[in-house]
């Protein structure tokens, strides 16, 4: 069978590139809450036409990462306390379950990798780097949850992270915290001990305590 000679659509490739780059920036808190964006500005930043910029924005709006008004105004959402509470509840439900499913596959190499990432988290705290902190913190959790082999559940969790990204940046930017997350140590200890109830508790507390600080 001959390989397909159908040309790839450059707009699709450009849309995917813009979507992934903008998604990562929002998730890691590089864009603050309520920040207005324009399709022209997105197109200029990523050197693409209006079509892939519009498609990427629509896709992110469908995930709750952006809001798009009928007039075409685009912005990152400013979350109400009720919305934060809803997203916090989702994290407290999804993430302990992902961690629990990952536990049987949490071998030494994974724990060693998580310890290395957690050292990076500590470095970001020491540097007062809010964006770096959020990025490394999510990498810590994602690396563990990938071992759960539950892609639908992980995708839902990442959508929650995406919606919280700008608000997390606003929080950590003013907290001026000096210590790394205490509950990461408890997560690592539970993984080493094979302690499933302890792991669930450590993950639930880790994600819940941080989110409670977002409400103000």
Foldseek 3Di string as FASTA:
>chain_A
DDDDPDDDDVLVVLLVVLLVVVLLCLLLQVFAAFDKDALVRSCVVSVHDSRSSVVSQVVCVVLLQWPADPVGIIGGHDDAPVRLVVLLVLQLPLQLVLLLLLLVVCDPVLLVVLVVLLVQLLVCLQVLPSSSNSVSVVVSSVSSSVSSVPVVSVVNNSSSSSSCRNLSSVQSNPPSDNGGQPLSVQCSVCSVVVPSVSNSVSSSCSSNVSSVSSHD
